[in-house]
Full PDB file with SEQRES, HELIX, SHEET, SSBOND, CRYST1, ORIGX, SCALE, CONECT and MASTER records, all heavy atoms in Angstrom:
SEQRES   1 A   41  VAL ALA GLN GLN VAL GLN VAL THR THR PRO ARG HIS LEU          
SEQRES   2 A   41  THR LEU PRO ASP ALA ILE GLN LEU ALA LYS ALA ASN GLU          
SEQRES   3 A   41  PRO THR PHE ALA THR ALA LEU ALA THR GLN GLN SER ALA          
SEQRES   4 A   41  LYS ILE                                                      
HELIX    1 AA1 ALA A    2  THR A    8  1                                   7    
HELIX    2 AA2 LEU A   15  ASN A   25  1                                  11    
HELIX    3 AA3 PRO A   27  LYS A   40  1                                  14    
CRYST1    1.000    1.000    1.000  90.00  90.00  90.00 P 1           1          
ORIGX1      1.000000  0.000000  0.000000        0.00000                         
ORIGX2      0.000000  1.000000  0.000000        0.00000                         
ORIGX3      0.000000  0.000000  1.000000        0.00000                         
SCALE1      1.000000  0.000000  0.000000        0.00000                         
SCALE2      0.000000  1.000000  0.000000        0.00000                         
SCALE3      0.000000  0.000000  1.000000        0.00000                         
ATOM      1  N   VAL A   1     -18.028  11.611  23.619  1.00  0.00           N  
ATOM      2  CA  VAL A   1     -18.457  10.274  24.028  1.00  0.00           C  
ATOM      3  C   VAL A   1     -18.913   9.470  22.816  1.00  0.00           C  
ATOM      4  O   VAL A   1     -18.596   8.285  22.654  1.00  0.00           O  
ATOM      5  CB  VAL A   1     -19.574  10.373  25.088  1.00  0.00           C  
ATOM      6  CG1 VAL A   1     -20.162   8.994  25.343  1.00  0.00           C  
ATOM      7  CG2 VAL A   1     -19.031  10.971  26.365  1.00  0.00           C  
ATOM      8  N   ALA A   2     -19.660  10.135  21.899  1.00  0.00           N  
ATOM      9  CA  ALA A   2     -20.139   9.446  20.693  1.00  0.00           C  
ATOM     10  C   ALA A   2     -18.977   8.995  19.827  1.00  0.00           C  
ATOM     11  O   ALA A   2     -18.971   7.877  19.305  1.00  0.00           O  
ATOM     12  CB  ALA A   2     -21.067  10.364  19.902  1.00  0.00           C  
ATOM     13  N   GLN A   3     -17.958   9.876  19.678  1.00  0.00           N  
ATOM     14  CA  GLN A   3     -16.791   9.498  18.894  1.00  0.00           C  
ATOM     15  C   GLN A   3     -16.037   8.344  19.533  1.00  0.00           C  
ATOM     16  O   GLN A   3     -15.584   7.423  18.860  1.00  0.00           O  
ATOM     17  CB  GLN A   3     -15.860  10.692  18.722  1.00  0.00           C  
ATOM     18  CG  GLN A   3     -16.420  11.780  17.801  1.00  0.00           C  
ATOM     19  CD  GLN A   3     -15.498  12.976  17.716  1.00  0.00           C  
ATOM     20  OE1 GLN A   3     -14.601  13.118  18.536  1.00  0.00           O  
ATOM     21  NE2 GLN A   3     -15.742  13.840  16.746  1.00  0.00           N  
ATOM     22  N   GLN A   4     -15.939   8.377  20.876  1.00  0.00           N  
ATOM     23  CA  GLN A   4     -15.235   7.312  21.570  1.00  0.00           C  
ATOM     24  C   GLN A   4     -15.964   5.982  21.391  1.00  0.00           C  
ATOM     25  O   GLN A   4     -15.345   4.943  21.148  1.00  0.00           O  
ATOM     26  CB  GLN A   4     -15.099   7.663  23.051  1.00  0.00           C  
ATOM     27  CG  GLN A   4     -14.279   6.641  23.838  1.00  0.00           C  
ATOM     28  CD  GLN A   4     -14.085   7.057  25.275  1.00  0.00           C  
ATOM     29  OE1 GLN A   4     -14.624   8.074  25.707  1.00  0.00           O  
ATOM     30  NE2 GLN A   4     -13.349   6.268  26.017  1.00  0.00           N  
ATOM     31  N   VAL A   5     -17.294   6.028  21.495  1.00  0.00           N  
ATOM     32  CA  VAL A   5     -18.071   4.804  21.300  1.00  0.00           C  
ATOM     33  C   VAL A   5     -17.900   4.281  19.882  1.00  0.00           C  
ATOM     34  O   VAL A   5     -17.751   3.094  19.630  1.00  0.00           O  
ATOM     35  CB  VAL A   5     -19.559   5.062  21.623  1.00  0.00           C  
ATOM     36  CG1 VAL A   5     -20.406   3.861  21.215  1.00  0.00           C  
ATOM     37  CG2 VAL A   5     -19.736   5.356  23.098  1.00  0.00           C  
ATOM     38  N   GLN A   6     -17.885   5.228  18.916  1.00  0.00           N  
ATOM     39  CA  GLN A   6     -17.732   4.843  17.520  1.00  0.00           C  
ATOM     40  C   GLN A   6     -16.360   4.227  17.263  1.00  0.00           C  
ATOM     41  O   GLN A   6     -16.219   3.262  16.522  1.00  0.00           O  
ATOM     42  CB  GLN A   6     -17.940   6.055  16.626  1.00  0.00           C  
ATOM     43  CG  GLN A   6     -17.861   5.731  15.125  1.00  0.00           C  
ATOM     44  CD  GLN A   6     -18.089   6.952  14.281  1.00  0.00           C  
ATOM     45  OE1 GLN A   6     -18.240   8.063  14.801  1.00  0.00           O  
ATOM     46  NE2 GLN A   6     -18.121   6.764  12.976  1.00  0.00           N  
ATOM     47  N   VAL A   7     -15.311   4.758  17.909  1.00  0.00           N  
ATOM     48  CA  VAL A   7     -13.965   4.265  17.685  1.00  0.00           C  
ATOM     49  C   VAL A   7     -13.773   2.896  18.335  1.00  0.00           C  
ATOM     50  O   VAL A   7     -13.158   1.999  17.762  1.00  0.00           O  
ATOM     51  CB  VAL A   7     -12.932   5.281  18.222  1.00  0.00           C  
ATOM     52  CG1 VAL A   7     -11.542   4.679  18.207  1.00  0.00           C  
ATOM     53  CG2 VAL A   7     -12.975   6.558  17.379  1.00  0.00           C  
ATOM     54  N   THR A   8     -14.302   2.712  19.544  1.00  0.00           N  
ATOM     55  CA  THR A   8     -14.056   1.484  20.296  1.00  0.00           C  
ATOM     56  C   THR A   8     -15.043   0.382  19.961  1.00  0.00           C  
ATOM     57  O   THR A   8     -14.895  -0.721  20.464  1.00  0.00           O  
ATOM     58  CB  THR A   8     -14.106   1.782  21.802  1.00  0.00           C  
ATOM     59  OG1 THR A   8     -15.394   2.346  22.130  1.00  0.00           O  
ATOM     60  CG2 THR A   8     -13.022   2.765  22.189  1.00  0.00           C  
ATOM     61  N   THR A   9     -16.064   0.640  19.177  1.00  0.00           N  
ATOM     62  CA  THR A   9     -17.006  -0.409  18.817  1.00  0.00           C  
ATOM     63  C   THR A   9     -16.319  -1.414  17.906  1.00  0.00           C  
ATOM     64  O   THR A   9     -15.838  -1.063  16.837  1.00  0.00           O  
ATOM     65  CB  THR A   9     -18.234   0.184  18.101  1.00  0.00           C  
ATOM     66  OG1 THR A   9     -18.870   1.110  18.972  1.00  0.00           O  
ATOM     67  CG2 THR A   9     -19.204  -0.918  17.720  1.00  0.00           C  
ATOM     68  N   PRO A  10     -16.234  -2.684  18.321  1.00  0.00           N  
ATOM     69  CA  PRO A  10     -15.525  -3.670  17.484  1.00  0.00           C  
ATOM     70  C   PRO A  10     -16.234  -3.879  16.150  1.00  0.00           C  
ATOM     71  O   PRO A  10     -17.463  -3.863  16.059  1.00  0.00           O  
ATOM     72  CB  PRO A  10     -15.565  -4.943  18.339  1.00  0.00           C  
ATOM     73  CG  PRO A  10     -15.859  -4.477  19.728  1.00  0.00           C  
ATOM     74  CD  PRO A  10     -16.704  -3.256  19.583  1.00  0.00           C  
ATOM     75  N   ARG A  11     -15.437  -4.089  15.127  1.00  0.00           N  
ATOM     76  CA  ARG A  11     -15.974  -4.355  13.796  1.00  0.00           C  
ATOM     77  C   ARG A  11     -16.211  -5.847  13.644  1.00  0.00           C  
ATOM     78  O   ARG A  11     -15.331  -6.654  13.927  1.00  0.00           O  
ATOM     79  CB  ARG A  11     -14.993  -3.873  12.737  1.00  0.00           C  
ATOM     80  CG  ARG A  11     -15.410  -4.179  11.311  1.00  0.00           C  
ATOM     81  CD  ARG A  11     -14.368  -3.683  10.335  1.00  0.00           C  
ATOM     82  NE  ARG A  11     -14.691  -4.039   8.971  1.00  0.00           N  
ATOM     83  CZ  ARG A  11     -13.924  -3.756   7.917  1.00  0.00           C  
ATOM     84  NH1 ARG A  11     -12.794  -3.086   8.102  1.00  0.00           N  
ATOM     85  NH2 ARG A  11     -14.283  -4.132   6.703  1.00  0.00           N  
ATOM     86  N   HIS A  12     -17.417  -6.205  13.207  1.00  0.00           N  
ATOM     87  CA  HIS A  12     -17.713  -7.618  13.021  1.00  0.00           C  
ATOM     88  C   HIS A  12     -17.233  -8.076  11.652  1.00  0.00           C  
ATOM     89  O   HIS A  12     -17.522  -7.454  10.630  1.00  0.00           O  
ATOM     90  CB  HIS A  12     -19.214  -7.877  13.154  1.00  0.00           C  
ATOM     91  CG  HIS A  12     -19.578  -9.319  12.983  1.00  0.00           C  
ATOM     92  ND1 HIS A  12     -19.297 -10.271  13.942  1.00  0.00           N  
ATOM     93  CD2 HIS A  12     -20.173  -9.981  11.951  1.00  0.00           C  
ATOM     94  CE1 HIS A  12     -19.700 -11.447  13.521  1.00  0.00           C  
ATOM     95  NE2 HIS A  12     -20.241 -11.310  12.315  1.00  0.00           N  
ATOM     96  N   LEU A  13     -16.487  -9.175  11.627  1.00  0.00           N  
ATOM     97  CA  LEU A  13     -15.906  -9.689  10.394  1.00  0.00           C  
ATOM     98  C   LEU A  13     -16.359 -11.122  10.159  1.00  0.00           C  
ATOM     99  O   LEU A  13     -16.218 -11.979  11.041  1.00  0.00           O  
ATOM    100  CB  LEU A  13     -14.380  -9.665  10.455  1.00  0.00           C  
ATOM    101  CG  LEU A  13     -13.697  -8.299  10.539  1.00  0.00           C  
ATOM    102  CD1 LEU A  13     -12.202  -8.482  10.700  1.00  0.00           C  
ATOM    103  CD2 LEU A  13     -13.999  -7.476   9.303  1.00  0.00           C  
ATOM    104  N   THR A  14     -16.907 -11.364   8.983  1.00  0.00           N  
ATOM    105  CA  THR A  14     -17.150 -12.737   8.556  1.00  0.00           C  
ATOM    106  C   THR A  14     -15.864 -13.304   7.956  1.00  0.00           C  
ATOM    107  O   THR A  14     -14.900 -12.570   7.736  1.00  0.00           O  
ATOM    108  CB  THR A  14     -18.282 -12.789   7.521  1.00  0.00           C  
ATOM    109  OG1 THR A  14     -17.880 -12.047   6.349  1.00  0.00           O  
ATOM    110  CG2 THR A  14     -19.559 -12.172   8.087  1.00  0.00           C  
ATOM    111  N   LEU A  15     -15.862 -14.603   7.692  1.00  0.00           N  
ATOM    112  CA  LEU A  15     -14.669 -15.217   7.103  1.00  0.00           C  
ATOM    113  C   LEU A  15     -14.349 -14.627   5.729  1.00  0.00           C  
ATOM    114  O   LEU A  15     -13.172 -14.323   5.451  1.00  0.00           O  
ATOM    115  CB  LEU A  15     -14.850 -16.729   7.017  1.00  0.00           C  
ATOM    116  CG  LEU A  15     -13.673 -17.514   6.429  1.00  0.00           C  
ATOM    117  CD1 LEU A  15     -12.396 -17.257   7.212  1.00  0.00           C  
ATOM    118  CD2 LEU A  15     -13.987 -19.009   6.399  1.00  0.00           C  
ATOM    119  N   PRO A  16     -15.330 -14.425   4.819  1.00  0.00           N  
ATOM    120  CA  PRO A  16     -15.002 -13.757   3.543  1.00  0.00           C  
ATOM    121  C   PRO A  16     -14.449 -12.346   3.732  1.00  0.00           C  
ATOM    122  O   PRO A  16     -13.564 -11.921   2.975  1.00  0.00           O  
ATOM    123  CB  PRO A  16     -16.343 -13.741   2.796  1.00  0.00           C  
ATOM    124  CG  PRO A  16     -17.097 -14.900   3.363  1.00  0.00           C  
ATOM    125  CD  PRO A  16     -16.716 -14.943   4.811  1.00  0.00           C  
ATOM    126  N   ASP A  17     -14.950 -11.612   4.739  1.00  0.00           N  
ATOM    127  CA  ASP A  17     -14.401 -10.272   5.007  1.00  0.00           C  
ATOM    128  C   ASP A  17     -12.925 -10.356   5.392  1.00  0.00           C  
ATOM    129  O   ASP A  17     -12.099  -9.565   4.919  1.00  0.00           O  
ATOM    130  CB  ASP A  17     -15.190  -9.591   6.122  1.00  0.00           C  
ATOM    131  CG  ASP A  17     -16.625  -9.290   5.715  1.00  0.00           C  
ATOM    132  OD1 ASP A  17     -16.881  -9.184   4.500  1.00  0.00           O  
ATOM    133  OD2 ASP A  17     -17.488  -9.177   6.596  1.00  0.00           O  
ATOM    134  N   ALA A  18     -12.609 -11.309   6.255  1.00  0.00           N  
ATOM    135  CA  ALA A  18     -11.217 -11.457   6.692  1.00  0.00           C  
ATOM    136  C   ALA A  18     -10.307 -11.827   5.529  1.00  0.00           C  
ATOM    137  O   ALA A  18      -9.183 -11.315   5.404  1.00  0.00           O  
ATOM    138  CB  ALA A  18     -11.130 -12.522   7.789  1.00  0.00           C  
ATOM    139  N   ILE A  19     -10.787 -12.703   4.649  1.00  0.00           N  
ATOM    140  CA  ILE A  19      -9.979 -13.099   3.497  1.00  0.00           C  
ATOM    141  C   ILE A  19      -9.742 -11.904   2.575  1.00  0.00           C  
ATOM    142  O   ILE A  19      -8.626 -11.692   2.076  1.00  0.00           O  
ATOM    143  CB  ILE A  19     -10.664 -14.250   2.743  1.00  0.00           C  
ATOM    144  CG1 ILE A  19     -10.685 -15.510   3.610  1.00  0.00           C  
ATOM    145  CG2 ILE A  19      -9.960 -14.527   1.414  1.00  0.00           C  
ATOM    146  CD1 ILE A  19     -11.471 -16.650   3.013  1.00  0.00           C  
ATOM    147  N   GLN A  20     -10.787 -11.107   2.351  1.00  0.00           N  
ATOM    148  CA  GLN A  20     -10.654  -9.953   1.465  1.00  0.00           C  
ATOM    149  C   GLN A  20      -9.682  -8.926   2.034  1.00  0.00           C  
ATOM    150  O   GLN A  20      -8.854  -8.359   1.297  1.00  0.00           O  
ATOM    151  CB  GLN A  20     -12.030  -9.317   1.238  1.00  0.00           C  
ATOM    152  CG  GLN A  20     -12.092  -8.337   0.079  1.00  0.00           C  
ATOM    153  CD  GLN A  20     -11.822  -8.992  -1.258  1.00  0.00           C  
ATOM    154  OE1 GLN A  20     -12.139 -10.159  -1.449  1.00  0.00           O  
ATOM    155  NE2 GLN A  20     -11.231  -8.248  -2.184  1.00  0.00           N  
ATOM    156  N   LEU A  21      -9.749  -8.679   3.328  1.00  0.00           N  
ATOM    157  CA  LEU A  21      -8.829  -7.734   3.959  1.00  0.00           C  
ATOM    158  C   LEU A  21      -7.392  -8.249   3.901  1.00  0.00           C  
ATOM    159  O   LEU A  21      -6.447  -7.479   3.676  1.00  0.00           O  
ATOM    160  CB  LEU A  21      -9.241  -7.479   5.402  1.00  0.00           C  
ATOM    161  CG  LEU A  21     -10.515  -6.647   5.616  1.00  0.00           C  
ATOM    162  CD1 LEU A  21     -10.911  -6.647   7.082  1.00  0.00           C  
ATOM    163  CD2 LEU A  21     -10.300  -5.215   5.128  1.00  0.00           C  
ATOM    164  N   ALA A  22      -7.212  -9.545   4.100  1.00  0.00           N  
ATOM    165  CA  ALA A  22      -5.863 -10.109   4.065  1.00  0.00           C  
ATOM    166  C   ALA A  22      -5.257 -10.004   2.671  1.00  0.00           C  
ATOM    167  O   ALA A  22      -4.047  -9.776   2.531  1.00  0.00           O  
ATOM    168  CB  ALA A  22      -5.902 -11.569   4.522  1.00  0.00           C  
ATOM    169  N   LYS A  23      -6.073 -10.144   1.634  1.00  0.00           N  
ATOM    170  CA  LYS A  23      -5.558 -10.012   0.271  1.00  0.00           C  
ATOM    171  C   LYS A  23      -4.978  -8.616   0.020  1.00  0.00           C  
ATOM    172  O   LYS A  23      -4.015  -8.468  -0.732  1.00  0.00           O  
ATOM    173  CB  LYS A  23      -6.674 -10.277  -0.743  1.00  0.00           C  
ATOM    174  CG  LYS A  23      -7.057 -11.735  -0.885  1.00  0.00           C  
ATOM    175  CD  LYS A  23      -8.148 -11.868  -1.949  1.00  0.00           C  
ATOM    176  CE  LYS A  23      -8.575 -13.314  -2.121  1.00  0.00           C  
ATOM    177  NZ  LYS A  23      -9.645 -13.441  -3.152  1.00  0.00           N  
ATOM    178  N   ALA A  24      -5.568  -7.626   0.640  1.00  0.00           N  
ATOM    179  CA  ALA A  24      -5.121  -6.256   0.406  1.00  0.00           C  
ATOM    180  C   ALA A  24      -3.908  -5.881   1.246  1.00  0.00           C  
ATOM    181  O   ALA A  24      -3.277  -4.846   0.983  1.00  0.00           O  
ATOM    182  CB  ALA A  24      -6.268  -5.285   0.696  1.00  0.00           C  
ATOM    183  N   ASN A  25      -3.538  -6.712   2.245  1.00  0.00           N  
ATOM    184  CA  ASN A  25      -2.484  -6.307   3.167  1.00  0.00           C  
ATOM    185  C   ASN A  25      -1.329  -7.296   3.274  1.00  0.00           C  
ATOM    186  O   ASN A  25      -0.295  -6.957   3.853  1.00  0.00           O  
ATOM    187  CB  ASN A  25      -3.065  -6.092   4.574  1.00  0.00           C  
ATOM    188  CG  ASN A  25      -4.016  -4.912   4.653  1.00  0.00           C  
ATOM    189  OD1 ASN A  25      -3.591  -3.766   4.704  1.00  0.00           O  
ATOM    190  ND2 ASN A  25      -5.307  -5.183   4.639  1.00  0.00           N  
ATOM    191  N   GLU A  26      -1.485  -8.518   2.732  1.00  0.00           N  
ATOM    192  CA  GLU A  26      -0.456  -9.533   2.906  1.00  0.00           C  
ATOM    193  C   GLU A  26       0.619  -9.373   1.829  1.00  0.00           C  
ATOM    194  O   GLU A  26       0.308  -9.378   0.639  1.00  0.00           O  
ATOM    195  CB  GLU A  26      -1.091 -10.914   2.831  1.00  0.00           C  
ATOM    196  CG  GLU A  26      -0.371 -11.964   3.662  1.00  0.00           C  
ATOM    197  CD  GLU A  26       0.863 -12.485   2.954  1.00  0.00           C  
ATOM    198  OE1 GLU A  26       0.814 -12.612   1.714  1.00  0.00           O  
ATOM    199  OE2 GLU A  26       1.881 -12.758   3.615  1.00  0.00           O  
ATOM    200  N   PRO A  27       1.901  -9.215   2.193  1.00  0.00           N  
ATOM    201  CA  PRO A  27       2.938  -8.905   1.192  1.00  0.00           C  
ATOM    202  C   PRO A  27       3.239 -10.052   0.240  1.00  0.00           C  
ATOM    203  O   PRO A  27       3.542  -9.810  -0.931  1.00  0.00           O  
ATOM    204  CB  PRO A  27       4.159  -8.558   2.060  1.00  0.00           C  
ATOM    205  CG  PRO A  27       3.898  -9.208   3.383  1.00  0.00           C  
ATOM    206  CD  PRO A  27       2.425  -9.196   3.568  1.00  0.00           C  
ATOM    207  N   THR A  28       3.188 -11.307   0.683  1.00  0.00           N  
ATOM    208  CA  THR A  28       3.482 -12.426  -0.215  1.00  0.00           C  
ATOM    209  C   THR A  28       2.459 -12.505  -1.342  1.00  0.00           C  
ATOM    210  O   THR A  28       2.809 -12.711  -2.513  1.00  0.00           O  
ATOM    211  CB  THR A  28       3.501 -13.742   0.577  1.00  0.00           C  
ATOM    212  OG1 THR A  28       4.461 -13.652   1.634  1.00  0.00           O  
ATOM    213  CG2 THR A  28       3.853 -14.905  -0.326  1.00  0.00           C  
ATOM    214  N   PHE A  29       1.191 -12.318  -1.002  1.00  0.00           N  
ATOM    215  CA  PHE A  29       0.154 -12.326  -2.037  1.00  0.00           C  
ATOM    216  C   PHE A  29       0.324 -11.131  -2.965  1.00  0.00           C  
ATOM    217  O   PHE A  29       0.122 -11.251  -4.183  1.00  0.00           O  
ATOM    218  CB  PHE A  29      -1.228 -12.307  -1.383  1.00  0.00           C  
ATOM    219  CG  PHE A  29      -2.365 -12.302  -2.368  1.00  0.00           C  
ATOM    220  CD1 PHE A  29      -2.749 -13.458  -3.014  1.00  0.00           C  
ATOM    221  CD2 PHE A  29      -3.039 -11.121  -2.653  1.00  0.00           C  
ATOM    222  CE1 PHE A  29      -3.784 -13.454  -3.936  1.00  0.00           C  
ATOM    223  CE2 PHE A  29      -4.084 -11.105  -3.568  1.00  0.00           C  
ATOM    224  CZ  PHE A  29      -4.454 -12.284  -4.209  1.00  0.00           C  
ATOM    225  N   ALA A  30       0.676  -9.981  -2.412  1.00  0.00           N  
ATOM    226  CA  ALA A  30       0.888  -8.800  -3.252  1.00  0.00           C  
ATOM    227  C   ALA A  30       2.047  -9.024  -4.226  1.00  0.00           C  
ATOM    228  O   ALA A  30       1.982  -8.610  -5.392  1.00  0.00           O  
ATOM    229  CB  ALA A  30       1.153  -7.577  -2.376  1.00  0.00           C  
ATOM    230  N   THR A  31       3.106  -9.694  -3.767  1.00  0.00           N  
ATOM    231  CA  THR A  31       4.230 -10.004  -4.653  1.00  0.00           C  
ATOM    232  C   THR A  31       3.810 -10.961  -5.760  1.00  0.00           C  
ATOM    233  O   THR A  31       4.194 -10.787  -6.926  1.00  0.00           O  
ATOM    234  CB  THR A  31       5.381 -10.609  -3.837  1.00  0.00           C  
ATOM    235  OG1 THR A  31       5.790  -9.678  -2.815  1.00  0.00           O  
ATOM    236  CG2 THR A  31       6.563 -10.930  -4.718  1.00  0.00           C  
ATOM    237  N   ALA A  32       3.032 -11.982  -5.407  1.00  0.00           N  
ATOM    238  CA  ALA A  32       2.553 -12.924  -6.423  1.00  0.00           C  
ATOM    239  C   ALA A  32       1.648 -12.228  -7.437  1.00  0.00           C  
ATOM    240  O   ALA A  32       1.705 -12.519  -8.639  1.00  0.00           O  
ATOM    241  CB  ALA A  32       1.810 -14.079  -5.755  1.00  0.00           C  
ATOM    242  N   LEU A  33       0.817 -11.303  -6.962  1.00  0.00           N  
ATOM    243  CA  LEU A  33      -0.056 -10.559  -7.871  1.00  0.00           C  
ATOM    244  C   LEU A  33       0.767  -9.685  -8.806  1.00  0.00           C  
ATOM    245  O   LEU A  33       0.496  -9.626 -10.020  1.00  0.00           O  
ATOM    246  CB  LEU A  33      -1.022  -9.702  -7.057  1.00  0.00           C  
ATOM    247  CG  LEU A  33      -2.007  -8.834  -7.866  1.00  0.00           C  
ATOM    248  CD1 LEU A  33      -2.884  -9.709  -8.754  1.00  0.00           C  
ATOM    249  CD2 LEU A  33      -2.863  -7.984  -6.929  1.00  0.00           C  
ATOM    250  N   ALA A  34       1.788  -9.018  -8.279  1.00  0.00           N  
ATOM    251  CA  ALA A  34       2.646  -8.186  -9.131  1.00  0.00           C  
ATOM    252  C   ALA A  34       3.408  -9.037 -10.150  1.00  0.00           C  
ATOM    253  O   ALA A  34       3.572  -8.639 -11.310  1.00  0.00           O  
ATOM    254  CB  ALA A  34       3.626  -7.395  -8.263  1.00  0.00           C  
ATOM    255  N   THR A  35       3.866 -10.209  -9.731  1.00  0.00           N  
ATOM    256  CA  THR A  35       4.564 -11.105 -10.648  1.00  0.00           C  
ATOM    257  C   THR A  35       3.644 -11.560 -11.779  1.00  0.00           C  
ATOM    258  O   THR A  35       4.046 -11.617 -12.946  1.00  0.00           O  
ATOM    259  CB  THR A  35       5.102 -12.322  -9.886  1.00  0.00           C  
ATOM    260  OG1 THR A  35       5.988 -11.882  -8.843  1.00  0.00           O  
ATOM    261  CG2 THR A  35       5.847 -13.262 -10.812  1.00  0.00           C  
ATOM    262  N   GLN A  36       2.406 -11.879 -11.439  1.00  0.00           N  
ATOM    263  CA  GLN A  36       1.447 -12.317 -12.465  1.00  0.00           C  
ATOM    264  C   GLN A  36       1.160 -11.197 -13.457  1.00  0.00           C  
ATOM    265  O   GLN A  36       1.116 -11.416 -14.672  1.00  0.00           O  
ATOM    266  CB  GLN A  36       0.156 -12.784 -11.783  1.00  0.00           C  
ATOM    267  CG  GLN A  36      -0.881 -13.350 -12.724  1.00  0.00           C  
ATOM    268  CD  GLN A  36      -1.881 -12.308 -13.199  1.00  0.00           C  
ATOM    269  OE1 GLN A  36      -2.083 -11.284 -12.529  1.00  0.00           O  
ATOM    270  NE2 GLN A  36      -2.497 -12.543 -14.335  1.00  0.00           N  
ATOM    271  N   GLN A  37       0.961  -9.998 -12.956  1.00  0.00           N  
ATOM    272  CA  GLN A  37       0.682  -8.873 -13.847  1.00  0.00           C  
ATOM    273  C   GLN A  37       1.888  -8.557 -14.725  1.00  0.00           C  
ATOM    274  O   GLN A  37       1.747  -8.234 -15.912  1.00  0.00           O  
ATOM    275  CB  GLN A  37       0.280  -7.657 -13.023  1.00  0.00           C  
ATOM    276  CG  GLN A  37      -1.059  -7.828 -12.303  1.00  0.00           C  
ATOM    277  CD  GLN A  37      -1.375  -6.681 -11.369  1.00  0.00           C  
ATOM    278  OE1 GLN A  37      -0.496  -5.909 -10.986  1.00  0.00           O  
ATOM    279  NE2 GLN A  37      -2.631  -6.551 -10.976  1.00  0.00           N  
ATOM    280  N   SER A  38       3.092  -8.640 -14.163  1.00  0.00           N  
ATOM    281  CA  SER A  38       4.301  -8.400 -14.940  1.00  0.00           C  
ATOM    282  C   SER A  38       4.487  -9.467 -16.018  1.00  0.00           C  
ATOM    283  O   SER A  38       4.865  -9.167 -17.157  1.00  0.00           O  
ATOM    284  CB  SER A  38       5.520  -8.363 -14.015  1.00  0.00           C  
ATOM    285  OG  SER A  38       6.708  -8.170 -14.741  1.00  0.00           O  
ATOM    286  N   ALA A  39       4.224 -10.730 -15.672  1.00  0.00           N  
ATOM    287  CA  ALA A  39       4.346 -11.809 -16.662  1.00  0.00           C  
ATOM    288  C   ALA A  39       3.316 -11.654 -17.771  1.00  0.00           C  
ATOM    289  O   ALA A  39       3.601 -11.973 -18.939  1.00  0.00           O  
ATOM    290  CB  ALA A  39       4.180 -13.166 -15.976  1.00  0.00           C  
ATOM    291  N   LYS A  40       2.153 -11.169 -17.450  1.00  0.00           N  
ATOM    292  CA  LYS A  40       1.128 -10.926 -18.471  1.00  0.00           C  
ATOM    293  C   LYS A  40       1.589  -9.847 -19.453  1.00  0.00           C  
ATOM    294  O   LYS A  40       1.390  -9.953 -20.669  1.00  0.00           O  
ATOM    295  CB  LYS A  40      -0.179 -10.513 -17.794  1.00  0.00           C  
ATOM    296  CG  LYS A  40      -1.362 -10.420 -18.733  1.00  0.00           C  
ATOM    297  CD  LYS A  40      -2.630 -10.116 -17.962  1.00  0.00           C  
ATOM    298  CE  LYS A  40      -3.838 -10.037 -18.897  1.00  0.00           C  
ATOM    299  NZ  LYS A  40      -5.091  -9.730 -18.131  1.00  0.00           N  
ATOM    300  N   ILE A  41       2.230  -8.804 -18.933  1.00  0.00           N  
ATOM    301  CA  ILE A  41       2.767  -7.757 -19.802  1.00  0.00           C  
ATOM    302  C   ILE A  41       3.907  -8.291 -20.649  1.00  0.00           C  
ATOM    303  O   ILE A  41       4.040  -7.963 -21.835  1.00  0.00           O  
ATOM    304  CB  ILE A  41       3.213  -6.551 -18.951  1.00  0.00           C  
ATOM    305  CG1 ILE A  41       1.990  -5.896 -18.277  1.00  0.00           C  
ATOM    306  CG2 ILE A  41       3.947  -5.526 -19.801  1.00  0.00           C  
ATOM    307  CD1 ILE A  41       2.346  -4.782 -17.323  1.00  0.00           C  
TER     308      ILE A  41                                                      
MASTER        0    0    0    3    0    0    0    6  307    1    0    4          
END                                                                             
């Protein structure tokens, strides 16, 4: 029951939290980041 409560408890996200999570998962931003790092090299 404790594990179930822990799993189903919604995570509270502020706007900065959402932006930070999106940066780590959005493919277009990841491509732009890779392009910038490659151009720097």
